[in-house]
Amino acid sequence: MSTVPQIAAHPPATAPIPTPVPAPASAPAPASSAVGAATGLLDAFRAGDRFLATPTRTLLAHGVLSEVPHGTDPIAERVADALAEARAGRRAAAVVMGAIPFDQNAPAALVVPETVRTGPALASDPLVALPAEAPRAGTWTVRPHPDPEDYAKGVGAAVDRMWNGEFSKVVLARTLELTGPGAPDVAAMVRRLARRDPLGYTFALPTHPGRTLLGASPELLVSRHGDRLVSNPLAGSTPRSDDLAEDVRRAAALLESAKDLHEHAVVVDAVHQVMAPYCSAIDVPARPSLIRTATMWHLSTTVTGTLAHPEVSALEIASSLHPTPAVCGTPTPLAREVIRETEPFDRGFFTGMVGWGDADGNGEWVVTIRCAEAEERTLRLYAGAGVVAASVPEDETAETAAKFRTFLDAVGATL
């Protein structure tokens, strides 16, 4: 059996951890790197706050200083204007936080918070290893949309069109709607998600009154710290196994899968082509490595670059990258149309991006996957799979079921 090289729990940190983003002048001083600094922010989160944990920092925001307005100007320009206004009001270290939908023409949910508390990465805090509280006892009613059989038919129809040469890839998603006896405990779910995968990107962000987008994404769209850019596209996946030998076998098979390697190469090439004009130098590894989450193995490539133009923000580059073939398909316009024709729901913020940015252009923007929306007594889960000509409908349906496990485990529900 082949050995499995370069296995990481999540996208590796390819640069030294930068100084945590400073808080606005009215906020408490940033949390220290002492034991409990990061988990203290996690435990302090309450529904209505904004929480984001990345491999470089932990952010907890309260209140709204200003909202980034909807409009026809590019989102990066509207964010820059909002941050400039905050800086003019002597909020020199203001940041923007929030979510951008899959359709960038739809309204985003981005704000400059009133206060931001910051701390180190969760993974650097030994207390993150302590177990989270178990899910609250209760019965969830689970309703798939579409049914797995209908989803598989949609995948099969897309495969037939690919064999006819219409397009080369599309990412098709399905949802689960969970209804419980009471309002979802968002804070408890976030703690379970973060403690289960502390090296990933855990988020909880209000998107509408009474509605919260939360999740634990493994995929960095792009980060900028000074002149250093990093993107970590993921494409090509297989479910984890509880049996160690089988788990290693699946990882090794994924590294040798022609179908998954091709799917991954398409995404990496697209990211390379978009990032290159922004860079004075760019490095793209020749072969992918593996990362793992609690439920999935993914093919992973870390693309790094040196920013050529200091006035370009992380969000501007993220907007150019979005949507990558990893969440939409290729060619993009036709893949979007296939998604509209096939998926019987609006994706909203699913497969959009979440993150933070500052007035100097630094920031981290993450692909919004492994996510759910909590509202009243319901929790809507999303999962998708990349469909190529070699795809088997039953396998892609099983992949989405495995991806649902991230949230099903967090709430104590089963399919």
Protein backbone atom coordinates (compact mmCIF):
# COMPACT_ATOMS: atom_id res chain seq x y z
CA MET A 1 0.00 0.00 0.00
CA SER A 2 1.28 3.45 -0.83
CA THR A 3 2.37 5.70 1.97
CA VAL A 4 0.40 8.86 2.65
CA PRO A 5 2.62 11.97 2.51
CA GLN A 6 1.99 15.46 3.83
CA ILE A 7 -1.10 14.89 5.93
CA ALA A 8 -2.30 17.96 7.81
CA ALA A 9 -5.27 18.44 10.06
CA HIS A 10 -6.18 21.59 8.16
CA PRO A 11 -4.54 23.98 5.67
CA PRO A 12 -0.98 24.37 6.95
CA ALA A 13 0.23 27.72 8.19
CA THR A 14 2.82 28.62 5.57
CA ALA A 15 3.89 31.86 7.24
CA PRO A 16 4.60 32.91 10.81
CA ILE A 17 1.43 33.70 12.73
CA PRO A 18 0.91 37.45 12.38
CA THR A 19 0.05 39.81 15.20
CA PRO A 20 -3.68 39.52 15.99
CA VAL A 21 -5.80 42.21 14.39
CA PRO A 22 -6.13 45.09 16.86
CA ALA A 23 -9.48 46.04 18.32
CA PRO A 24 -11.23 49.37 17.76
CA ALA A 25 -10.32 52.12 20.19
CA SER A 26 -13.53 51.65 22.20
CA ALA A 27 -13.02 47.92 22.70
CA PRO A 28 -11.21 46.16 25.53
CA ALA A 29 -7.56 45.45 24.93
CA PRO A 30 -6.84 42.33 22.86
CA ALA A 31 -6.77 39.10 24.81
CA SER A 32 -3.33 37.83 25.70
CA SER A 33 -1.76 34.57 24.57
CA ALA A 34 -2.19 33.11 28.05
CA VAL A 35 -3.87 29.76 28.56
CA GLY A 36 -7.59 30.26 28.16
CA ALA A 37 -7.33 33.47 26.10
CA ALA A 38 -8.82 31.98 22.94
CA THR A 39 -11.25 29.55 24.55
CA GLY A 40 -12.42 32.39 26.80
CA LEU A 41 -13.64 34.23 23.70
CA LEU A 42 -15.28 31.06 22.42
CA ASP A 43 -17.09 30.52 25.71
CA ALA A 44 -18.13 34.18 25.85
CA PHE A 45 -19.93 33.99 22.49
CA ARG A 46 -23.69 34.43 22.62
CA ALA A 47 -26.28 34.40 19.85
CA GLY A 48 -26.28 37.82 18.20
CA ASP A 49 -22.50 38.25 18.55
CA ARG A 50 -20.07 37.74 15.69
CA PHE A 51 -17.47 35.01 16.15
CA LEU A 52 -14.65 33.92 13.86
CA ALA A 53 -11.78 31.58 14.72
CA THR A 54 -9.00 30.99 12.17
CA PRO A 55 -5.57 29.34 12.31
CA THR A 56 -4.10 32.80 13.06
CA ARG A 57 -6.55 34.46 15.50
CA THR A 58 -9.88 34.44 17.33
CA LEU A 59 -12.33 37.34 16.99
CA LEU A 60 -15.44 38.06 19.06
CA ALA A 61 -17.42 41.17 18.10
CA HIS A 62 -20.34 42.93 19.75
CA GLY A 63 -22.73 45.50 18.36
CA VAL A 64 -22.76 47.32 15.03
CA LEU A 65 -20.93 50.58 14.40
CA SER A 66 -22.02 50.62 10.74
CA GLU A 67 -23.37 48.26 8.09
CA VAL A 68 -21.80 47.88 4.67
CA PRO A 69 -24.61 48.98 2.36
CA HIS A 70 -25.92 46.99 -0.56
CA GLY A 71 -25.20 48.59 -3.92
CA THR A 72 -23.88 48.26 -7.44
CA ASP A 73 -20.27 49.18 -6.61
CA PRO A 74 -17.92 46.23 -6.04
CA ILE A 75 -18.17 44.85 -2.52
CA ALA A 76 -14.46 45.54 -1.85
CA GLU A 77 -15.01 49.24 -2.60
CA ARG A 78 -18.05 49.45 -0.33
CA VAL A 79 -16.11 47.76 2.48
CA ALA A 80 -13.17 50.12 1.98
CA ASP A 81 -15.53 53.11 2.20
CA ALA A 82 -17.08 51.80 5.44
CA LEU A 83 -13.65 51.25 6.99
CA ALA A 84 -12.44 54.68 5.85
CA GLU A 85 -15.48 56.26 7.49
CA ALA A 86 -14.77 54.36 10.71
CA ARG A 87 -11.14 55.50 10.61
CA ALA A 88 -12.24 59.09 10.07
CA GLY A 89 -14.33 58.71 13.22
CA ARG A 90 -11.15 57.80 15.12
CA ARG A 91 -11.76 54.06 14.95
CA ALA A 92 -8.27 53.64 13.54
CA ALA A 93 -8.17 49.88 14.01
CA ALA A 94 -11.70 49.06 12.84
CA VAL A 95 -12.38 45.80 11.02
CA VAL A 96 -15.22 44.51 8.92
CA MET A 97 -16.69 41.07 9.64
CA GLY A 98 -19.44 39.04 8.05
CA ALA A 99 -20.69 36.96 5.14
CA ILE A 100 -21.02 37.36 1.37
CA PRO A 101 -23.51 35.17 -0.55
CA PHE A 102 -22.82 32.73 -3.35
CA ASP A 103 -24.38 35.28 -5.70
CA GLN A 104 -22.23 38.37 -5.18
CA ASN A 105 -25.05 40.53 -6.58
CA ALA A 106 -27.27 39.57 -3.64
CA PRO A 107 -27.11 41.57 -0.37
CA ALA A 108 -24.18 40.74 1.90
CA ALA A 109 -24.19 40.70 5.70
CA LEU A 110 -21.08 42.75 6.50
CA VAL A 111 -20.66 45.16 9.39
CA VAL A 112 -18.04 47.22 11.17
CA PRO A 113 -18.61 46.02 14.76
CA GLU A 114 -18.88 48.41 17.67
CA THR A 115 -16.25 46.48 19.62
CA VAL A 116 -13.95 43.58 18.81
CA ARG A 117 -12.08 41.40 21.27
CA THR A 118 -9.17 39.47 19.80
CA GLY A 119 -7.05 36.57 20.87
CA PRO A 120 -4.65 33.95 19.56
CA ALA A 121 -5.63 30.94 17.50
CA LEU A 122 -7.81 28.37 19.23
CA ALA A 123 -5.31 25.63 18.40
CA SER A 124 -2.68 27.44 20.50
CA ASP A 125 -4.87 27.28 23.60
CA PRO A 126 -4.44 24.00 25.52
CA LEU A 127 -7.94 24.34 26.95
CA VAL A 128 -9.46 23.75 23.52
CA ALA A 129 -8.71 20.05 24.03
CA LEU A 130 -11.29 19.89 26.80
CA PRO A 131 -14.50 18.26 25.56
CA ALA A 132 -17.49 20.42 24.77
CA GLU A 133 -20.80 19.76 26.46
CA ALA A 134 -22.86 17.00 24.88
CA PRO A 135 -25.82 17.98 22.67
CA ARG A 136 -28.99 18.75 24.58
CA ALA A 137 -31.43 15.87 24.73
CA GLY A 138 -34.25 16.26 22.22
CA THR A 139 -35.73 14.88 19.06
CA TRP A 140 -34.96 16.41 15.70
CA THR A 141 -37.24 15.95 12.71
CA VAL A 142 -35.01 15.72 9.62
CA ARG A 143 -36.36 16.57 6.17
CA PRO A 144 -34.04 16.30 3.15
CA HIS A 145 -34.46 18.69 0.24
CA PRO A 146 -34.25 17.29 -2.34
CA ASP A 147 -34.64 13.62 -1.43
CA PRO A 148 -31.41 11.62 -1.88
CA GLU A 149 -32.94 9.80 -4.85
CA ASP A 150 -33.80 13.06 -6.62
CA TYR A 151 -30.36 14.44 -5.85
CA ALA A 152 -28.75 11.36 -7.42
CA LYS A 153 -30.93 11.82 -10.51
CA GLY A 154 -29.71 15.41 -10.79
CA VAL A 155 -26.11 14.24 -10.59
CA GLY A 156 -26.78 11.60 -13.26
CA ALA A 157 -28.34 14.18 -15.58
CA ALA A 158 -25.33 16.46 -15.13
CA VAL A 159 -22.94 13.58 -15.90
CA ASP A 160 -24.85 12.80 -19.10
CA ARG A 161 -24.52 16.44 -20.20
CA MET A 162 -20.79 16.36 -19.49
CA TRP A 163 -20.36 13.26 -21.63
CA ASN A 164 -22.12 15.26 -24.37
CA GLY A 165 -19.43 17.93 -24.01
CA GLU A 166 -21.60 20.75 -22.59
CA PHE A 167 -19.37 21.50 -19.58
CA SER A 168 -16.66 19.82 -17.50
CA LYS A 169 -17.72 20.19 -13.85
CA VAL A 170 -20.59 21.35 -11.67
CA VAL A 171 -20.99 21.36 -7.90
CA LEU A 172 -24.46 20.22 -6.85
CA ALA A 173 -25.77 20.64 -3.32
CA ARG A 174 -28.65 19.46 -1.18
CA THR A 175 -29.99 20.50 2.20
CA LEU A 176 -31.36 18.99 5.40
CA GLU A 177 -33.93 20.91 7.40
CA LEU A 178 -33.86 20.00 11.09
CA THR A 179 -36.79 21.00 13.27
CA GLY A 180 -36.47 20.68 17.03
CA PRO A 181 -38.58 21.18 20.13
CA GLY A 182 -37.07 24.64 20.74
CA ALA A 183 -34.70 27.23 19.35
CA PRO A 184 -31.29 25.83 18.33
CA ASP A 185 -28.61 26.47 20.95
CA VAL A 186 -26.26 28.36 18.63
CA ALA A 187 -23.59 29.05 21.26
CA ALA A 188 -23.35 25.39 22.25
CA MET A 189 -23.14 24.30 18.60
CA VAL A 190 -20.32 26.76 17.92
CA ARG A 191 -18.37 25.48 20.93
CA ARG A 192 -18.73 21.88 19.75
CA LEU A 193 -17.71 22.75 16.19
CA ALA A 194 -14.67 24.73 17.31
CA ARG A 195 -13.43 22.16 19.80
CA ARG A 196 -13.83 19.35 17.29
CA ASP A 197 -11.74 21.07 14.57
CA PRO A 198 -9.74 23.86 16.28
CA LEU A 199 -7.33 24.20 13.34
CA GLY A 200 -10.12 25.07 10.93
CA TYR A 201 -12.28 28.16 10.43
CA THR A 202 -15.22 28.29 12.83
CA PHE A 203 -17.77 31.08 12.42
CA ALA A 204 -21.11 32.32 13.71
CA LEU A 205 -22.47 35.46 12.06
CA PRO A 206 -25.92 37.08 12.06
CA THR A 207 -27.23 37.41 8.50
CA HIS A 208 -30.82 38.55 9.13
CA PRO A 209 -32.79 39.41 12.28
CA GLY A 210 -33.16 36.16 14.21
CA ARG A 211 -31.00 34.17 11.76
CA THR A 212 -27.40 33.03 12.26
CA LEU A 213 -24.99 31.50 9.76
CA LEU A 214 -22.61 29.14 11.53
CA GLY A 215 -20.14 26.51 10.50
CA ALA A 216 -16.66 25.02 10.50
CA SER A 217 -15.07 25.40 7.07
CA PRO A 218 -11.78 23.72 6.15
CA GLU A 219 -11.16 25.91 3.06
CA LEU A 220 -9.30 29.23 2.93
CA LEU A 221 -10.24 31.22 -0.16
CA VAL A 222 -7.50 33.81 0.36
CA SER A 223 -5.67 35.62 3.16
CA ARG A 224 -3.48 38.68 3.00
CA HIS A 225 -1.02 39.71 5.72
CA GLY A 226 1.17 42.55 4.48
CA ASP A 227 2.42 41.50 1.05
CA ARG A 228 1.89 37.76 1.62
CA LEU A 229 -1.05 36.02 -0.01
CA VAL A 230 -2.20 32.47 0.72
CA SER A 231 -4.99 30.44 -0.87
CA ASN A 232 -5.79 26.84 -0.02
CA PRO A 233 -8.18 25.33 -2.59
CA LEU A 234 -9.71 21.97 -1.73
CA ALA A 235 -11.29 19.63 -4.27
CA GLY A 236 -11.50 15.86 -4.27
CA SER A 237 -12.83 14.28 -1.09
CA THR A 238 -13.58 11.00 0.60
CA PRO A 239 -15.30 10.24 3.93
CA ARG A 240 -13.23 9.33 6.98
CA SER A 241 -13.54 5.89 8.61
CA ASP A 242 -13.60 5.08 12.32
CA ASP A 243 -11.33 2.12 11.56
CA LEU A 244 -7.71 3.37 11.45
CA ALA A 245 -6.52 0.96 8.76
CA GLU A 246 -9.50 1.74 6.54
CA ASP A 247 -9.07 5.45 7.15
CA VAL A 248 -5.45 5.32 5.96
CA ARG A 249 -6.45 3.20 2.96
CA ARG A 250 -9.05 5.79 1.94
CA ALA A 251 -6.51 8.61 2.28
CA ALA A 252 -3.98 6.76 0.11
CA ALA A 253 -6.64 5.95 -2.49
CA LEU A 254 -7.68 9.60 -2.67
CA LEU A 255 -4.10 10.64 -3.45
CA GLU A 256 -4.09 8.19 -6.37
CA SER A 257 -7.62 8.76 -7.67
CA ALA A 258 -7.47 9.97 -11.28
CA LYS A 259 -10.99 11.40 -11.01
CA ASP A 260 -10.24 13.38 -7.85
CA LEU A 261 -6.79 14.52 -8.99
CA HIS A 262 -8.31 15.88 -12.20
CA GLU A 263 -11.06 17.66 -10.28
CA HIS A 264 -8.45 19.15 -7.95
CA ALA A 265 -6.15 20.26 -10.78
CA VAL A 266 -8.99 22.20 -12.43
CA VAL A 267 -9.58 24.17 -9.24
CA VAL A 268 -5.91 24.85 -8.54
CA ASP A 269 -5.36 26.05 -12.11
CA ALA A 270 -8.30 28.44 -11.81
CA VAL A 271 -6.96 29.85 -8.52
CA HIS A 272 -3.49 30.21 -10.05
CA GLN A 273 -4.82 32.06 -13.09
CA VAL A 274 -6.78 34.54 -10.95
CA MET A 275 -4.07 35.17 -8.35
CA ALA A 276 -1.11 35.49 -10.71
CA PRO A 277 -1.90 39.05 -11.97
CA TYR A 278 -1.95 40.29 -8.36
CA CYS A 279 1.46 38.77 -7.55
CA SER A 280 5.08 39.62 -8.23
CA ALA A 281 5.87 35.98 -7.43
CA ILE A 282 3.63 32.95 -6.94
CA ASP A 283 4.27 29.36 -5.90
CA VAL A 284 1.97 26.46 -6.81
CA PRO A 285 3.02 22.98 -5.65
CA ALA A 286 3.09 20.39 -8.41
CA ARG A 287 1.03 17.83 -6.47
CA PRO A 288 -1.63 18.10 -3.80
CA SER A 289 -1.28 16.96 -0.23
CA LEU A 290 -4.02 15.79 2.11
CA ILE A 291 -5.86 17.50 4.92
CA ARG A 292 -8.37 15.91 7.24
CA THR A 293 -11.31 17.12 9.24
CA ALA A 294 -13.27 15.07 11.73
CA THR A 295 -15.41 13.64 8.93
CA MET A 296 -13.56 14.03 5.58
CA TRP A 297 -10.26 13.69 3.73
CA HIS A 298 -9.59 16.40 1.14
CA LEU A 299 -6.99 16.95 -1.55
CA SER A 300 -5.31 20.25 -0.70
CA THR A 301 -2.89 22.65 -2.38
CA THR A 302 -1.50 25.74 -0.63
CA VAL A 303 -0.86 28.50 -3.17
CA THR A 304 1.33 31.34 -1.90
CA GLY A 305 2.18 34.65 -3.51
CA THR A 306 3.84 38.01 -2.97
CA LEU A 307 1.45 40.92 -3.49
CA ALA A 308 2.57 43.21 -6.32
CA HIS A 309 0.21 46.10 -5.61
CA PRO A 310 -0.17 47.10 -1.92
CA GLU A 311 -3.45 48.92 -2.53
CA VAL A 312 -5.22 45.63 -3.39
CA SER A 313 -7.15 44.19 -0.45
CA ALA A 314 -7.68 40.57 0.50
CA LEU A 315 -11.39 41.05 -0.20
CA GLU A 316 -10.78 42.33 -3.73
CA ILE A 317 -8.76 39.21 -4.52
CA ALA A 318 -11.33 36.98 -2.80
CA SER A 319 -14.08 38.54 -4.91
CA SER A 320 -12.07 37.79 -8.07
CA LEU A 321 -11.56 34.18 -6.99
CA HIS A 322 -15.19 33.60 -6.01
CA PRO A 323 -16.75 31.29 -6.98
CA THR A 324 -13.97 28.84 -7.69
CA PRO A 325 -14.68 25.58 -9.54
CA ALA A 326 -14.57 23.92 -6.11
CA VAL A 327 -18.01 25.34 -5.24
CA CYS A 328 -19.50 26.16 -8.65
CA GLY A 329 -17.95 24.34 -11.60
CA THR A 330 -16.42 25.10 -14.96
CA PRO A 331 -17.01 26.93 -17.17
CA THR A 332 -18.46 29.13 -14.43
CA PRO A 333 -21.41 30.77 -16.29
CA LEU A 334 -22.76 27.44 -17.52
CA ALA A 335 -22.16 25.75 -14.16
CA ARG A 336 -24.17 28.51 -12.47
CA GLU A 337 -27.03 27.86 -14.87
CA VAL A 338 -26.94 24.11 -14.20
CA ILE A 339 -27.04 24.83 -10.46
CA ARG A 340 -30.09 27.09 -10.91
CA GLU A 341 -31.83 24.44 -13.01
CA THR A 342 -31.01 21.50 -10.71
CA GLU A 343 -31.04 22.71 -7.10
CA PRO A 344 -34.59 23.29 -5.77
CA PHE A 345 -33.49 26.01 -3.31
CA ASP A 346 -31.58 29.27 -3.14
CA ARG A 347 -28.05 28.75 -1.83
CA GLY A 348 -28.02 32.10 -0.05
CA PHE A 349 -24.76 32.31 1.92
CA PHE A 350 -23.82 28.66 1.36
CA THR A 351 -20.68 28.48 -0.85
CA GLY A 352 -20.22 32.20 -0.46
CA MET A 353 -17.47 33.52 1.81
CA VAL A 354 -17.07 34.64 5.40
CA GLY A 355 -14.23 36.51 7.01
CA TRP A 356 -12.69 39.75 8.21
CA GLY A 357 -10.72 42.61 6.72
CA ASP A 358 -9.08 45.84 7.88
CA ALA A 359 -8.46 49.25 6.32
CA ASP A 360 -4.91 48.26 5.31
CA GLY A 361 -6.24 45.49 3.08
CA ASN A 362 -5.30 42.58 5.34
CA GLY A 363 -7.86 39.89 5.98
CA GLU A 364 -8.93 36.27 5.78
CA TRP A 365 -11.83 35.10 3.61
CA VAL A 366 -13.06 31.54 3.87
CA VAL A 367 -15.32 29.44 1.63
CA THR A 368 -18.68 29.02 3.39
CA ILE A 369 -19.03 25.25 3.51
CA ARG A 370 -19.80 22.79 6.36
CA CYS A 371 -22.36 25.34 7.43
CA ALA A 372 -25.95 25.77 8.56
CA GLU A 373 -28.46 28.54 9.15
CA ALA A 374 -30.23 28.65 12.51
CA GLU A 375 -33.59 30.36 12.84
CA GLU A 376 -36.38 29.95 15.40
CA ARG A 377 -36.88 26.17 15.77
CA THR A 378 -35.11 25.17 12.56
CA LEU A 379 -31.60 24.45 11.42
CA ARG A 380 -30.91 24.18 7.69
CA LEU A 381 -27.76 22.24 6.76
CA TYR A 382 -26.00 22.43 3.39
CA ALA A 383 -23.61 20.05 1.63
CA GLY A 384 -22.41 19.72 -1.94
CA ALA A 385 -20.23 17.50 -4.10
CA GLY A 386 -18.16 18.17 -7.19
CA VAL A 387 -19.60 16.35 -10.18
CA VAL A 388 -17.38 15.47 -13.15
CA ALA A 389 -17.83 13.08 -16.06
CA ALA A 390 -16.43 10.18 -14.01
CA SER A 391 -18.81 10.77 -11.10
CA VAL A 392 -21.12 8.03 -9.83
CA PRO A 393 -24.43 9.48 -8.53
CA GLU A 394 -24.57 7.16 -5.52
CA ASP A 395 -21.01 8.09 -4.53
CA GLU A 396 -21.70 11.82 -4.71
CA THR A 397 -24.87 11.36 -2.64
CA ALA A 398 -22.85 9.46 -0.04
CA GLU A 399 -20.24 12.25 0.00
CA THR A 400 -22.86 14.86 0.84
CA ALA A 401 -24.18 12.59 3.60
CA ALA A 402 -20.67 12.37 5.07
CA LYS A 403 -20.30 16.16 4.95
CA PHE A 404 -23.59 16.57 6.81
CA ARG A 405 -22.02 14.68 9.72
CA THR A 406 -20.12 17.82 10.81
CA PHE A 407 -23.35 19.42 11.92
CA LEU A 408 -25.39 16.33 12.71
CA ASP A 409 -22.78 15.39 15.29
CA ALA A 410 -22.81 18.93 16.68
CA VAL A 411 -26.54 18.78 17.41
CA GLY A 412 -26.93 15.08 18.21
CA ALA A 413 -29.05 14.26 15.15
CA THR A 414 -28.84 11.41 12.63
CA LEU A 415 -30.01 10.91 9.07
